[in-house]
Amino acid sequence: MGISIWQLVIILGIVILLFGTKKLRNVGGDLGNAIKSFKKAVKSSEEAEPDEQIAKKEDGRIIDAEVRKEKDETKS
């Protein structure tokens, strides 16, 4: 009861007739740019995470710390 290849071809043909190839190309490009931007944002946030959490092991003890950046209020 799945969709056959011929049914997919007919649906694709109807979509092309309704929207046209230029509009579909623009939608595809916009979608590609959105995915690229999302991946870039995820990658930059993953690189920032290790600086925020620091865990060191000294003499069998685990020292856990969180680094926070404070705003310099003297530079107004």
PDB file of N, CA and C in Angstrom:
ATOM      1  N   MET A   1       0.815  -1.193   0.000  1.00  0.00           N
ATOM      2  CA  MET A   1       0.000   0.000   0.000  1.00  0.00           C
ATOM      3  C   MET A   1       0.864   1.264   0.000  1.00  0.00           C
ATOM      4  N   GLY A   2       2.075   1.181  -0.474  1.00  0.00           N
ATOM      5  CA  GLY A   2       2.945   2.345  -0.535  1.00  0.00           C
ATOM      6  C   GLY A   2       2.691   3.140  -1.808  1.00  0.00           C
ATOM      7  N   ILE A   3       3.383   4.240  -1.915  1.00  0.00           N
ATOM      8  CA  ILE A   3       3.272   5.085  -3.097  1.00  0.00           C
ATOM      9  C   ILE A   3       4.270   4.573  -4.132  1.00  0.00           C
ATOM     10  N   SER A   4       3.780   4.344  -5.337  1.00  0.00           N
ATOM     11  CA  SER A   4       4.662   3.842  -6.393  1.00  0.00           C
ATOM     12  C   SER A   4       5.424   5.005  -7.021  1.00  0.00           C
ATOM     13  N   ILE A   5       6.425   4.674  -7.810  1.00  0.00           N
ATOM     14  CA  ILE A   5       7.248   5.680  -8.472  1.00  0.00           C
ATOM     15  C   ILE A   5       6.419   6.499  -9.444  1.00  0.00           C
ATOM     16  N   TRP A   6       5.442   5.875 -10.084  1.00  0.00           N
ATOM     17  CA  TRP A   6       4.615   6.593 -11.058  1.00  0.00           C
ATOM     18  C   TRP A   6       3.711   7.608 -10.363  1.00  0.00           C
ATOM     19  N   GLN A   7       3.218   7.279  -9.191  1.00  0.00           N
ATOM     20  CA  GLN A   7       2.409   8.240  -8.439  1.00  0.00           C
ATOM     21  C   GLN A   7       3.251   9.447  -8.022  1.00  0.00           C
ATOM     22  N   LEU A   8       4.500   9.211  -7.625  1.00  0.00           N
ATOM     23  CA  LEU A   8       5.384  10.313  -7.267  1.00  0.00           C
ATOM     24  C   LEU A   8       5.691  11.198  -8.472  1.00  0.00           C
ATOM     25  N   VAL A   9       5.881  10.591  -9.646  1.00  0.00           N
ATOM     26  CA  VAL A   9       6.148  11.355 -10.872  1.00  0.00           C
ATOM     27  C   VAL A   9       4.943  12.229 -11.215  1.00  0.00           C
ATOM     28  N   ILE A  10       3.737  11.693 -11.096  1.00  0.00           N
ATOM     29  CA  ILE A  10       2.523  12.463 -11.389  1.00  0.00           C
ATOM     30  C   ILE A  10       2.374  13.628 -10.416  1.00  0.00           C
ATOM     31  N   ILE A  11       2.619  13.386  -9.119  1.00  0.00           N
ATOM     32  CA  ILE A  11       2.536  14.455  -8.117  1.00  0.00           C
ATOM     33  C   ILE A  11       3.579  15.523  -8.394  1.00  0.00           C
ATOM     34  N   LEU A  12       4.800  15.129  -8.726  1.00  0.00           N
ATOM     35  CA  LEU A  12       5.855  16.083  -9.061  1.00  0.00           C
ATOM     36  C   LEU A  12       5.478  16.913 -10.283  1.00  0.00           C
ATOM     37  N   GLY A  13       4.895  16.281 -11.287  1.00  0.00           N
ATOM     38  CA  GLY A  13       4.454  16.998 -12.481  1.00  0.00           C
ATOM     39  C   GLY A  13       3.374  18.026 -12.158  1.00  0.00           C
ATOM     40  N   ILE A  14       2.441  17.674 -11.313  1.00  0.00           N
ATOM     41  CA  ILE A  14       1.383  18.617 -10.922  1.00  0.00           C
ATOM     42  C   ILE A  14       1.968  19.789 -10.150  1.00  0.00           C
ATOM     43  N   VAL A  15       2.905  19.529  -9.238  1.00  0.00           N
ATOM     44  CA  VAL A  15       3.539  20.602  -8.455  1.00  0.00           C
ATOM     45  C   VAL A  15       4.303  21.545  -9.378  1.00  0.00           C
ATOM     46  N   ILE A  16       5.015  21.010 -10.354  1.00  0.00           N
ATOM     47  CA  ILE A  16       5.760  21.845 -11.309  1.00  0.00           C
ATOM     48  C   ILE A  16       4.801  22.690 -12.137  1.00  0.00           C
ATOM     49  N   LEU A  17       3.674  22.110 -12.552  1.00  0.00           N
ATOM     50  CA  LEU A  17       2.695  22.880 -13.327  1.00  0.00           C
ATOM     51  C   LEU A  17       2.074  24.002 -12.491  1.00  0.00           C
ATOM     52  N   LEU A  18       1.823  23.741 -11.203  1.00  0.00           N
ATOM     53  CA  LEU A  18       1.195  24.752 -10.357  1.00  0.00           C
ATOM     54  C   LEU A  18       2.140  25.889 -10.001  1.00  0.00           C
ATOM     55  N   PHE A  19       3.357  25.571  -9.628  1.00  0.00           N
ATOM     56  CA  PHE A  19       4.272  26.588  -9.105  1.00  0.00           C
ATOM     57  C   PHE A  19       5.318  27.050 -10.109  1.00  0.00           C
ATOM     58  N   GLY A  20       5.655  26.253 -11.052  1.00  0.00           N
ATOM     59  CA  GLY A  20       6.692  26.612 -12.009  1.00  0.00           C
ATOM     60  C   GLY A  20       8.071  26.273 -11.468  1.00  0.00           C
ATOM     61  N   THR A  21       9.016  26.070 -12.375  1.00  0.00           N
ATOM     62  CA  THR A  21      10.354  25.633 -11.953  1.00  0.00           C
ATOM     63  C   THR A  21      11.136  26.745 -11.272  1.00  0.00           C
ATOM     64  N   LYS A  22      10.922  28.007 -11.694  1.00  0.00           N
ATOM     65  CA  LYS A  22      11.686  29.111 -11.102  1.00  0.00           C
ATOM     66  C   LYS A  22      11.325  29.294  -9.624  1.00  0.00           C
ATOM     67  N   LYS A  23      10.044  29.240  -9.317  1.00  0.00           N
ATOM     68  CA  LYS A  23       9.611  29.413  -7.925  1.00  0.00           C
ATOM     69  C   LYS A  23      10.101  28.235  -7.065  1.00  0.00           C
ATOM     70  N   LEU A  24      10.043  27.033  -7.606  1.00  0.00           N
ATOM     71  CA  LEU A  24      10.528  25.865  -6.865  1.00  0.00           C
ATOM     72  C   LEU A  24      12.034  25.964  -6.622  1.00  0.00           C
ATOM     73  N   ARG A  25      12.780  26.491  -7.605  1.00  0.00           N
ATOM     74  CA  ARG A  25      14.223  26.666  -7.454  1.00  0.00           C
ATOM     75  C   ARG A  25      14.512  27.681  -6.342  1.00  0.00           C
ATOM     76  N   ASN A  26      13.740  28.766  -6.298  1.00  0.00           N
ATOM     77  CA  ASN A  26      13.923  29.778  -5.249  1.00  0.00           C
ATOM     78  C   ASN A  26      13.617  29.214  -3.866  1.00  0.00           C
ATOM     79  N   VAL A  27      12.563  28.420  -3.768  1.00  0.00           N
ATOM     80  CA  VAL A  27      12.205  27.806  -2.484  1.00  0.00           C
ATOM     81  C   VAL A  27      13.315  26.852  -2.045  1.00  0.00           C
ATOM     82  N   GLY A  28      13.845  26.090  -2.975  1.00  0.00           N
ATOM     83  CA  GLY A  28      14.937  25.165  -2.652  1.00  0.00           C
ATOM     84  C   GLY A  28      16.179  25.905  -2.177  1.00  0.00           C
ATOM     85  N   GLY A  29      16.511  27.013  -2.840  1.00  0.00           N
ATOM     86  CA  GLY A  29      17.673  27.814  -2.428  1.00  0.00           C
ATOM     87  C   GLY A  29      17.481  28.422  -1.054  1.00  0.00           C
ATOM     88  N   ASP A  30      16.281  28.935  -0.787  1.00  0.00           N
ATOM     89  CA  ASP A  30      15.988  29.510   0.532  1.00  0.00           C
ATOM     90  C   ASP A  30      16.075  28.451   1.622  1.00  0.00           C
ATOM     91  N   LEU A  31      15.565  27.279   1.331  1.00  0.00           N
ATOM     92  CA  LEU A  31      15.621  26.187   2.302  1.00  0.00           C
ATOM     93  C   LEU A  31      17.064  25.767   2.567  1.00  0.00           C
ATOM     94  N   GLY A  32      17.868  25.710   1.515  1.00  0.00           N
ATOM     95  CA  GLY A  32      19.286  25.363   1.678  1.00  0.00           C
ATOM     96  C   GLY A  32      20.027  26.387   2.515  1.00  0.00           C
ATOM     97  N   ASN A  33      19.769  27.680   2.279  1.00  0.00           N
ATOM     98  CA  ASN A  33      20.409  28.734   3.081  1.00  0.00           C
ATOM     99  C   ASN A  33      19.973  28.671   4.535  1.00  0.00           C
ATOM    100  N   ALA A  34      18.716  28.361   4.782  1.00  0.00           N
ATOM    101  CA  ALA A  34      18.224  28.256   6.156  1.00  0.00           C
ATOM    102  C   ALA A  34      18.905  27.099   6.888  1.00  0.00           C
ATOM    103  N   ILE A  35      19.069  25.984   6.214  1.00  0.00           N
ATOM    104  CA  ILE A  35      19.726  24.821   6.834  1.00  0.00           C
ATOM    105  C   ILE A  35      21.194  25.141   7.120  1.00  0.00           C
ATOM    106  N   LYS A  36      21.856  25.827   6.178  1.00  0.00           N
ATOM    107  CA  LYS A  36      23.254  26.214   6.372  1.00  0.00           C
ATOM    108  C   LYS A  36      23.414  27.129   7.575  1.00  0.00           C
ATOM    109  N   SER A  37      22.535  28.109   7.698  1.00  0.00           N
ATOM    110  CA  SER A  37      22.585  29.046   8.821  1.00  0.00           C
ATOM    111  C   SER A  37      22.338  28.329  10.145  1.00  0.00           C
ATOM    112  N   PHE A  38      21.399  27.386  10.147  1.00  0.00           N
ATOM    113  CA  PHE A  38      21.101  26.632  11.353  1.00  0.00           C
ATOM    114  C   PHE A  38      22.304  25.804  11.785  1.00  0.00           C
ATOM    115  N   LYS A  39      22.950  25.122  10.840  1.00  0.00           N
ATOM    116  CA  LYS A  39      24.130  24.317  11.166  1.00  0.00           C
ATOM    117  C   LYS A  39      25.264  25.187  11.695  1.00  0.00           C
ATOM    118  N   LYS A  40      25.436  26.370  11.114  1.00  0.00           N
ATOM    119  CA  LYS A  40      26.477  27.293  11.560  1.00  0.00           C
ATOM    120  C   LYS A  40      26.209  27.766  12.991  1.00  0.00           C
ATOM    121  N   ALA A  41      24.949  28.058  13.310  1.00  0.00           N
ATOM    122  CA  ALA A  41      24.590  28.506  14.649  1.00  0.00           C
ATOM    123  C   ALA A  41      24.799  27.392  15.679  1.00  0.00           C
ATOM    124  N   VAL A  42      24.447  26.170  15.311  1.00  0.00           N
ATOM    125  CA  VAL A  42      24.634  25.038  16.224  1.00  0.00           C
ATOM    126  C   VAL A  42      26.114  24.805  16.466  1.00  0.00           C
ATOM    127  N   LYS A  43      26.917  24.886  15.414  1.00  0.00           N
ATOM    128  CA  LYS A  43      28.361  24.664  15.542  1.00  0.00           C
ATOM    129  C   LYS A  43      28.994  25.726  16.429  1.00  0.00           C
ATOM    130  N   SER A  44      28.601  26.998  16.260  1.00  0.00           N
ATOM    131  CA  SER A  44      29.193  28.059  17.076  1.00  0.00           C
ATOM    132  C   SER A  44      28.770  27.944  18.532  1.00  0.00           C
ATOM    133  N   SER A  45      27.551  27.470  18.792  1.00  0.00           N
ATOM    134  CA  SER A  45      27.127  27.296  20.179  1.00  0.00           C
ATOM    135  C   SER A  45      27.831  26.104  20.829  1.00  0.00           C
ATOM    136  N   GLU A  46      28.142  25.076  20.052  1.00  0.00           N
ATOM    137  CA  GLU A  46      28.872  23.926  20.596  1.00  0.00           C
ATOM    138  C   GLU A  46      30.304  24.306  20.948  1.00  0.00           C
ATOM    139  N   GLU A  47      30.902  25.208  20.165  1.00  0.00           N
ATOM    140  CA  GLU A  47      32.264  25.639  20.452  1.00  0.00           C
ATOM    141  C   GLU A  47      32.323  26.518  21.697  1.00  0.00           C
ATOM    142  N   ALA A  48      31.247  27.210  22.008  1.00  0.00           N
ATOM    143  CA  ALA A  48      31.223  28.101  23.158  1.00  0.00           C
ATOM    144  C   ALA A  48      30.995  27.346  24.470  1.00  0.00           C
ATOM    145  N   GLU A  49      30.391  26.198  24.433  1.00  0.00           N
ATOM    146  CA  GLU A  49      30.049  25.454  25.640  1.00  0.00           C
ATOM    147  C   GLU A  49      31.246  25.008  26.479  1.00  0.00           C
ATOM    148  N   PRO A  50      32.342  24.512  25.914  1.00  0.00           N
ATOM    149  CA  PRO A  50      33.432  24.037  26.771  1.00  0.00           C
ATOM    150  C   PRO A  50      34.030  25.123  27.661  1.00  0.00           C
ATOM    151  N   ASP A  51      33.984  26.382  27.257  1.00  0.00           N
ATOM    152  CA  ASP A  51      34.522  27.457  28.075  1.00  0.00           C
ATOM    153  C   ASP A  51      33.660  27.736  29.304  1.00  0.00           C
ATOM    154  N   GLU A  52      32.392  27.423  29.224  1.00  0.00           N
ATOM    155  CA  GLU A  52      31.484  27.745  30.307  1.00  0.00           C
ATOM    156  C   GLU A  52      31.544  26.731  31.442  1.00  0.00           C
ATOM    157  N   GLN A  53      31.869  25.512  31.159  1.00  0.00           N
ATOM    158  CA  GLN A  53      31.936  24.477  32.187  1.00  0.00           C
ATOM    159  C   GLN A  53      33.362  23.955  32.281  1.00  0.00           C
ATOM    160  N   ILE A  54      33.934  24.030  33.479  1.00  0.00           N
ATOM    161  CA  ILE A  54      35.287  23.544  33.705  1.00  0.00           C
ATOM    162  C   ILE A  54      35.241  22.529  34.837  1.00  0.00           C
ATOM    163  N   ALA A  55      35.797  21.367  34.620  1.00  0.00           N
ATOM    164  CA  ALA A  55      35.880  20.349  35.662  1.00  0.00           C
ATOM    165  C   ALA A  55      37.320  19.849  35.716  1.00  0.00           C
ATOM    166  N   LYS A  56      37.949  19.951  36.893  1.00  0.00           N
ATOM    167  CA  LYS A  56      39.325  19.497  37.059  1.00  0.00           C
ATOM    168  C   LYS A  56      39.358  18.451  38.156  1.00  0.00           C
ATOM    169  N   LYS A  57      40.300  17.550  38.023  1.00  0.00           N
ATOM    170  CA  LYS A  57      40.463  16.509  39.018  1.00  0.00           C
ATOM    171  C   LYS A  57      41.808  16.717  39.684  1.00  0.00           C
ATOM    172  N   GLU A  58      41.785  17.034  40.973  1.00  0.00           N
ATOM    173  CA  GLU A  58      43.013  17.234  41.732  1.00  0.00           C
ATOM    174  C   GLU A  58      42.976  16.349  42.979  1.00  0.00           C
ATOM    175  N   ASP A  59      44.005  15.554  43.157  1.00  0.00           N
ATOM    176  CA  ASP A  59      44.133  14.686  44.334  1.00  0.00           C
ATOM    177  C   ASP A  59      42.886  13.824  44.553  1.00  0.00           C
ATOM    178  N   GLY A  60      42.310  13.312  43.494  1.00  0.00           N
ATOM    179  CA  GLY A  60      41.153  12.449  43.627  1.00  0.00           C
ATOM    180  C   GLY A  60      39.848  13.200  43.819  1.00  0.00           C
ATOM    181  N   ARG A  61      39.898  14.524  43.918  1.00  0.00           N
ATOM    182  CA  ARG A  61      38.685  15.325  44.084  1.00  0.00           C
ATOM    183  C   ARG A  61      38.342  15.991  42.751  1.00  0.00           C
ATOM    184  N   ILE A  62      37.083  16.149  42.503  1.00  0.00           N
ATOM    185  CA  ILE A  62      36.645  16.828  41.292  1.00  0.00           C
ATOM    186  C   ILE A  62      36.227  18.240  41.664  1.00  0.00           C
ATOM    187  N   ILE A  63      36.828  19.185  40.993  1.00  0.00           N
ATOM    188  CA  ILE A  63      36.488  20.586  41.207  1.00  0.00           C
ATOM    189  C   ILE A  63      35.708  21.041  39.988  1.00  0.00           C
ATOM    190  N   ASP A  64      34.482  21.478  40.218  1.00  0.00           N
ATOM    191  CA  ASP A  64      33.601  21.896  39.142  1.00  0.00           C
ATOM    192  C   ASP A  64      33.370  23.397  39.262  1.00  0.00           C
ATOM    193  N   ALA A  65      33.501  24.118  38.164  1.00  0.00           N
ATOM    194  CA  ALA A  65      33.320  25.566  38.194  1.00  0.00           C
ATOM    195  C   ALA A  65      32.592  26.019  36.946  1.00  0.00           C
ATOM    196  N   GLU A  66      31.942  27.148  37.056  1.00  0.00           N
ATOM    197  CA  GLU A  66      31.255  27.747  35.916  1.00  0.00           C
ATOM    198  C   GLU A  66      31.831  29.133  35.687  1.00  0.00           C
ATOM    199  N   VAL A  67      32.180  29.412  34.439  1.00  0.00           N
ATOM    200  CA  VAL A  67      32.776  30.694  34.094  1.00  0.00           C
ATOM    201  C   VAL A  67      31.673  31.595  33.562  1.00  0.00           C
ATOM    202  N   ARG A  68      31.592  32.803  34.118  1.00  0.00           N
ATOM    203  CA  ARG A  68      30.600  33.770  33.664  1.00  0.00           C
ATOM    204  C   ARG A  68      31.303  35.055  33.283  1.00  0.00           C
ATOM    205  N   LYS A  69      30.843  35.650  32.221  1.00  0.00           N
ATOM    206  CA  LYS A  69      31.393  36.920  31.788  1.00  0.00           C
ATOM    207  C   LYS A  69      30.535  38.030  32.351  1.00  0.00           C
ATOM    208  N   GLU A  70      31.182  38.984  33.021  1.00  0.00           N
ATOM    209  CA  GLU A  70      30.444  40.118  33.576  1.00  0.00           C
ATOM    210  C   GLU A  70      30.666  41.323  32.692  1.00  0.00           C
ATOM    211  N   LYS A  71      29.656  42.154  32.599  1.00  0.00           N
ATOM    212  CA  LYS A  71      29.755  43.361  31.804  1.00  0.00           C
ATOM    213  C   LYS A  71      30.565  44.384  32.599  1.00  0.00           C
ATOM    214  N   ASP A  72      31.430  45.078  31.904  1.00  0.00           N
ATOM    215  CA  ASP A  72      32.230  46.133  32.529  1.00  0.00           C
ATOM    216  C   ASP A  72      31.401  47.413  32.522  1.00  0.00           C
ATOM    217  N   GLU A  73      30.885  47.779  33.689  1.00  0.00           N
ATOM    218  CA  GLU A  73      29.996  48.927  33.776  1.00  0.00           C
ATOM    219  C   GLU A  73      30.750  50.250  33.726  1.00  0.00           C
ATOM    220  N   THR A  74      32.077  50.233  33.844  1.00  0.00           N
ATOM    221  CA  THR A  74      32.846  51.467  33.789  1.00  0.00           C
ATOM    222  C   THR A  74      32.983  51.977  32.367  1.00  0.00           C
ATOM    223  N   LYS A  75      32.777  51.115  31.393  1.00  0.00           N
ATOM    224  CA  LYS A  75      32.856  51.498  29.989  1.00  0.00           C
ATOM    225  C   LYS A  75      31.476  51.870  29.461  1.00  0.00           C
ATOM    226  N   SER A  76      30.939  52.952  29.898  1.00  0.00           N
ATOM    227  CA  SER A  76      29.598  53.361  29.461  1.00  0.00           C
ATOM    228  C   SER A  76      29.646  54.367  28.365  1.00  0.00           C
TER     229      SER A  76
END
